[in-house]
Amino acid sequence: MSAENPTPEAAREAGPRPGRLTAAAALAALEGLALAVGGVWMLVEGFAGDPDDRRSAVTGGITLIVLALLPLLAARGLLARRSWSRGPAVITQIMALPVAYNLLQADSVAIPAGIALAVVALTALVLLVNAETTRALGIRGPGNASKQPPQR
């Protein structure tokens, strides 16, 4: 491989982790943690509280805890400079935007949560598609793949 197209391993060994990559990982971890906390809260309410529908509360809590795994695994992968981790991190941010929009449409205390979620998701998206982050993860864009001679 040439110096222009480093392997993912070479990109990881090239130097310290860029701040943008660390910030993107922190935001993904924050989202994962928030999902896990929300899931545990729903489970506790389902078992100990007086929910309208206990089964829905328990199912919702388990679902949130399982969904928390995606951003948490992505955050860990980003910190370890694994190229695969950007995909799940981007998907998490894209999934968060409609949730933020719905929270912004509420006439309640959910509006500040919607604003915070939108800011976090958009910030993380910008950090994840940044060229410095892409290089640090060893991701090559279109047209940058090593050219193979045509096979006969």
C-alpha atoms as a PDB file:
ATOM      1  CA  MET A   1       0.000   0.000   0.000  1.00  0.00           C
ATOM      2  CA  SER A   2       1.183   3.490  -0.723  1.00  0.00           C
ATOM      3  CA  ALA A   3       1.440   6.279   1.809  1.00  0.00           C
ATOM      4  CA  GLU A   4      -1.638   7.910   0.242  1.00  0.00           C
ATOM      5  CA  ASN A   5      -3.877   4.905   0.925  1.00  0.00           C
ATOM      6  CA  PRO A   6      -2.994   3.541   4.358  1.00  0.00           C
ATOM      7  CA  THR A   7      -4.515   0.335   5.637  1.00  0.00           C
ATOM      8  CA  PRO A   8      -6.857   0.652   8.611  1.00  0.00           C
ATOM      9  CA  GLU A   9      -4.136  -0.755  10.855  1.00  0.00           C
ATOM     10  CA  ALA A  10      -1.635   1.810   9.579  1.00  0.00           C
ATOM     11  CA  ALA A  11      -4.160   4.597  10.121  1.00  0.00           C
ATOM     12  CA  ARG A  12      -4.636   3.489  13.722  1.00  0.00           C
ATOM     13  CA  GLU A  13      -0.901   3.374  14.333  1.00  0.00           C
ATOM     14  CA  ALA A  14      -0.250   6.718  12.609  1.00  0.00           C
ATOM     15  CA  GLY A  15      -0.640   8.768  15.764  1.00  0.00           C
ATOM     16  CA  PRO A  16      -2.978   9.862  18.501  1.00  0.00           C
ATOM     17  CA  ARG A  17      -6.720   9.559  18.053  1.00  0.00           C
ATOM     18  CA  PRO A  18      -8.152  12.775  16.582  1.00  0.00           C
ATOM     19  CA  GLY A  19     -10.322  14.817  18.913  1.00  0.00           C
ATOM     20  CA  ARG A  20     -13.214  14.685  16.458  1.00  0.00           C
ATOM     21  CA  LEU A  21     -13.197  10.891  16.578  1.00  0.00           C
ATOM     22  CA  THR A  22     -13.101  10.905  20.367  1.00  0.00           C
ATOM     23  CA  ALA A  23     -15.962  13.427  20.492  1.00  0.00           C
ATOM     24  CA  ALA A  24     -18.060  11.345  18.076  1.00  0.00           C
ATOM     25  CA  ALA A  25     -17.449   8.266  20.229  1.00  0.00           C
ATOM     26  CA  ALA A  26     -18.419  10.188  23.365  1.00  0.00           C
ATOM     27  CA  LEU A  27     -21.679  11.367  21.794  1.00  0.00           C
ATOM     28  CA  ALA A  28     -22.544   7.848  20.622  1.00  0.00           C
ATOM     29  CA  ALA A  29     -21.788   6.512  24.105  1.00  0.00           C
ATOM     30  CA  LEU A  30     -23.952   9.250  25.641  1.00  0.00           C
ATOM     31  CA  GLU A  31     -26.859   8.245  23.419  1.00  0.00           C
ATOM     32  CA  GLY A  32     -26.370   4.591  24.268  1.00  0.00           C
ATOM     33  CA  LEU A  33     -26.250   5.372  27.955  1.00  0.00           C
ATOM     34  CA  ALA A  34     -29.420   7.468  27.711  1.00  0.00           C
ATOM     35  CA  LEU A  35     -31.215   4.607  25.945  1.00  0.00           C
ATOM     36  CA  ALA A  36     -30.061   2.119  28.580  1.00  0.00           C
ATOM     37  CA  VAL A  37     -31.142   4.385  31.449  1.00  0.00           C
ATOM     38  CA  GLY A  38     -34.513   4.943  29.788  1.00  0.00           C
ATOM     39  CA  GLY A  39     -34.923   1.201  29.332  1.00  0.00           C
ATOM     40  CA  VAL A  40     -34.075   0.440  32.955  1.00  0.00           C
ATOM     41  CA  TRP A  41     -36.471   3.182  34.086  1.00  0.00           C
ATOM     42  CA  MET A  42     -39.271   1.658  31.982  1.00  0.00           C
ATOM     43  CA  LEU A  43     -38.531  -1.802  33.387  1.00  0.00           C
ATOM     44  CA  VAL A  44     -38.601  -0.525  36.962  1.00  0.00           C
ATOM     45  CA  GLU A  45     -41.872   1.297  36.278  1.00  0.00           C
ATOM     46  CA  GLY A  46     -43.257  -1.846  34.669  1.00  0.00           C
ATOM     47  CA  PHE A  47     -42.425  -4.069  37.629  1.00  0.00           C
ATOM     48  CA  ALA A  48     -42.628  -1.743  40.637  1.00  0.00           C
ATOM     49  CA  GLY A  49     -44.794   1.134  39.482  1.00  0.00           C
ATOM     50  CA  ASP A  50     -48.371   1.302  38.336  1.00  0.00           C
ATOM     51  CA  PRO A  51     -48.135   1.508  34.543  1.00  0.00           C
ATOM     52  CA  ASP A  52     -51.218   1.523  32.343  1.00  0.00           C
ATOM     53  CA  ASP A  53     -49.966  -1.630  30.647  1.00  0.00           C
ATOM     54  CA  ARG A  54     -47.293  -3.613  32.473  1.00  0.00           C
ATOM     55  CA  ARG A  55     -46.481  -5.790  29.461  1.00  0.00           C
ATOM     56  CA  SER A  56     -45.890  -2.740  27.237  1.00  0.00           C
ATOM     57  CA  ALA A  57     -43.662  -1.124  29.853  1.00  0.00           C
ATOM     58  CA  VAL A  58     -41.526  -4.243  30.201  1.00  0.00           C
ATOM     59  CA  THR A  59     -41.339  -4.779  26.434  1.00  0.00           C
ATOM     60  CA  GLY A  60     -40.450  -1.123  25.877  1.00  0.00           C
ATOM     61  CA  GLY A  61     -37.766  -1.255  28.551  1.00  0.00           C
ATOM     62  CA  ILE A  62     -36.159  -4.365  27.112  1.00  0.00           C
ATOM     63  CA  THR A  63     -36.331  -2.867  23.619  1.00  0.00           C
ATOM     64  CA  LEU A  64     -34.565   0.313  24.737  1.00  0.00           C
ATOM     65  CA  ILE A  65     -31.848  -1.665  26.505  1.00  0.00           C
ATOM     66  CA  VAL A  66     -31.241  -3.774  23.387  1.00  0.00           C
ATOM     67  CA  LEU A  67     -31.246  -0.653  21.187  1.00  0.00           C
ATOM     68  CA  ALA A  68     -28.639   0.886  23.512  1.00  0.00           C
ATOM     69  CA  LEU A  69     -26.176  -1.761  22.382  1.00  0.00           C
ATOM     70  CA  LEU A  70     -25.854  -0.266  18.874  1.00  0.00           C
ATOM     71  CA  PRO A  71     -24.464   3.148  19.868  1.00  0.00           C
ATOM     72  CA  LEU A  72     -22.450   1.654  22.737  1.00  0.00           C
ATOM     73  CA  LEU A  73     -20.745  -0.860  20.443  1.00  0.00           C
ATOM     74  CA  ALA A  74     -20.227   1.865  17.842  1.00  0.00           C
ATOM     75  CA  ALA A  75     -18.621   4.129  20.459  1.00  0.00           C
ATOM     76  CA  ARG A  76     -16.267   1.366  21.518  1.00  0.00           C
ATOM     77  CA  GLY A  77     -15.352   0.686  17.890  1.00  0.00           C
ATOM     78  CA  LEU A  78     -14.754   4.376  17.221  1.00  0.00           C
ATOM     79  CA  LEU A  79     -12.419   4.621  20.190  1.00  0.00           C
ATOM     80  CA  ALA A  80     -10.540   1.565  18.902  1.00  0.00           C
ATOM     81  CA  ARG A  81     -10.473   3.074  15.385  1.00  0.00           C
ATOM     82  CA  ARG A  82     -12.427   0.243  13.789  1.00  0.00           C
ATOM     83  CA  SER A  83     -13.703   1.276  10.371  1.00  0.00           C
ATOM     84  CA  TRP A  84     -16.892  -0.789  10.753  1.00  0.00           C
ATOM     85  CA  SER A  85     -17.989   1.363  13.696  1.00  0.00           C
ATOM     86  CA  ARG A  86     -18.810   4.445  11.649  1.00  0.00           C
ATOM     87  CA  GLY A  87     -21.792   2.749   9.969  1.00  0.00           C
ATOM     88  CA  PRO A  88     -23.670   1.903  13.180  1.00  0.00           C
ATOM     89  CA  ALA A  89     -22.789   5.310  14.626  1.00  0.00           C
ATOM     90  CA  VAL A  90     -24.205   7.105  11.572  1.00  0.00           C
ATOM     91  CA  ILE A  91     -27.319   4.909  11.595  1.00  0.00           C
ATOM     92  CA  THR A  92     -27.869   5.776  15.257  1.00  0.00           C
ATOM     93  CA  GLN A  93     -27.730   9.492  14.470  1.00  0.00           C
ATOM     94  CA  ILE A  94     -30.093   9.167  11.513  1.00  0.00           C
ATOM     95  CA  MET A  95     -32.546   7.218  13.695  1.00  0.00           C
ATOM     96  CA  ALA A  96     -32.313   9.885  16.401  1.00  0.00           C
ATOM     97  CA  LEU A  97     -33.375  12.748  14.128  1.00  0.00           C
ATOM     98  CA  PRO A  98     -37.035  11.666  13.681  1.00  0.00           C
ATOM     99  CA  VAL A  99     -37.247  10.987  17.421  1.00  0.00           C
ATOM    100  CA  ALA A 100     -35.964  14.513  18.084  1.00  0.00           C
ATOM    101  CA  TYR A 101     -38.503  15.912  15.618  1.00  0.00           C
ATOM    102  CA  ASN A 102     -41.359  14.110  17.390  1.00  0.00           C
ATOM    103  CA  LEU A 103     -40.159  15.402  20.751  1.00  0.00           C
ATOM    104  CA  LEU A 104     -40.101  18.938  19.331  1.00  0.00           C
ATOM    105  CA  GLN A 105     -43.747  18.568  18.254  1.00  0.00           C
ATOM    106  CA  ALA A 106     -44.872  17.821  21.819  1.00  0.00           C
ATOM    107  CA  ASP A 107     -46.426  20.490  24.014  1.00  0.00           C
ATOM    108  CA  SER A 108     -44.536  19.511  27.109  1.00  0.00           C
ATOM    109  CA  VAL A 109     -41.182  19.220  28.804  1.00  0.00           C
ATOM    110  CA  ALA A 110     -40.162  16.932  25.925  1.00  0.00           C
ATOM    111  CA  ILE A 111     -39.263  19.968  23.793  1.00  0.00           C
ATOM    112  CA  PRO A 112     -35.899  20.603  25.547  1.00  0.00           C
ATOM    113  CA  ALA A 113     -35.119  16.886  25.211  1.00  0.00           C
ATOM    114  CA  GLY A 114     -35.888  17.127  21.486  1.00  0.00           C
ATOM    115  CA  ILE A 115     -33.584  20.105  21.121  1.00  0.00           C
ATOM    116  CA  ALA A 116     -30.782  18.335  22.988  1.00  0.00           C
ATOM    117  CA  LEU A 117     -31.212  15.140  20.960  1.00  0.00           C
ATOM    118  CA  ALA A 118     -31.229  17.053  17.666  1.00  0.00           C
ATOM    119  CA  VAL A 119     -28.071  18.953  18.610  1.00  0.00           C
ATOM    120  CA  VAL A 120     -26.279  15.770  19.691  1.00  0.00           C
ATOM    121  CA  ALA A 121     -27.339  13.825  16.576  1.00  0.00           C
ATOM    122  CA  LEU A 122     -26.402  16.587  14.130  1.00  0.00           C
ATOM    123  CA  THR A 123     -23.093  17.240  15.882  1.00  0.00           C
ATOM    124  CA  ALA A 124     -22.235  13.551  15.865  1.00  0.00           C
ATOM    125  CA  LEU A 125     -23.128  13.260  12.170  1.00  0.00           C
ATOM    126  CA  VAL A 126     -20.843  16.161  11.295  1.00  0.00           C
ATOM    127  CA  LEU A 127     -18.036  14.618  13.338  1.00  0.00           C
ATOM    128  CA  LEU A 128     -18.530  11.175  11.777  1.00  0.00           C
ATOM    129  CA  VAL A 129     -18.402  12.345   8.155  1.00  0.00           C
ATOM    130  CA  ASN A 130     -15.459  14.660   8.772  1.00  0.00           C
ATOM    131  CA  ALA A 131     -12.404  13.901   6.625  1.00  0.00           C
ATOM    132  CA  GLU A 132     -10.122  13.686   9.671  1.00  0.00           C
ATOM    133  CA  THR A 133     -12.391  11.071  11.251  1.00  0.00           C
ATOM    134  CA  THR A 134     -12.584   9.135   7.997  1.00  0.00           C
ATOM    135  CA  ARG A 135      -8.790   9.062   7.682  1.00  0.00           C
ATOM    136  CA  ALA A 136      -8.359   8.044  11.319  1.00  0.00           C
ATOM    137  CA  LEU A 137     -10.679   5.088  10.733  1.00  0.00           C
ATOM    138  CA  GLY A 138      -8.826   4.100   7.572  1.00  0.00           C
ATOM    139  CA  ILE A 139     -11.910   4.533   5.387  1.00  0.00           C
ATOM    140  CA  ARG A 140     -11.222   5.281   1.757  1.00  0.00           C
ATOM    141  CA  GLY A 141     -13.809   7.114  -0.267  1.00  0.00           C
ATOM    142  CA  PRO A 142     -14.965   6.410  -3.792  1.00  0.00           C
ATOM    143  CA  GLY A 143     -12.162   6.731  -6.304  1.00  0.00           C
ATOM    144  CA  ASN A 144      -9.503   6.169  -3.650  1.00  0.00           C
ATOM    145  CA  ALA A 145      -9.535   2.394  -3.748  1.00  0.00           C
ATOM    146  CA  SER A 146      -6.407   0.789  -5.051  1.00  0.00           C
ATOM    147  CA  LYS A 147      -6.729   0.247  -8.762  1.00  0.00           C
ATOM    148  CA  GLN A 148      -6.557  -3.342  -9.880  1.00  0.00           C
ATOM    149  CA  PRO A 149      -5.567  -4.154 -13.457  1.00  0.00           C
ATOM    150  CA  PRO A 150      -8.430  -5.696 -15.435  1.00  0.00           C
ATOM    151  CA  GLN A 151      -8.455  -9.463 -15.308  1.00  0.00           C
ATOM    152  CA  ARG A 152      -8.419 -11.368 -18.564  1.00  0.00           C
END
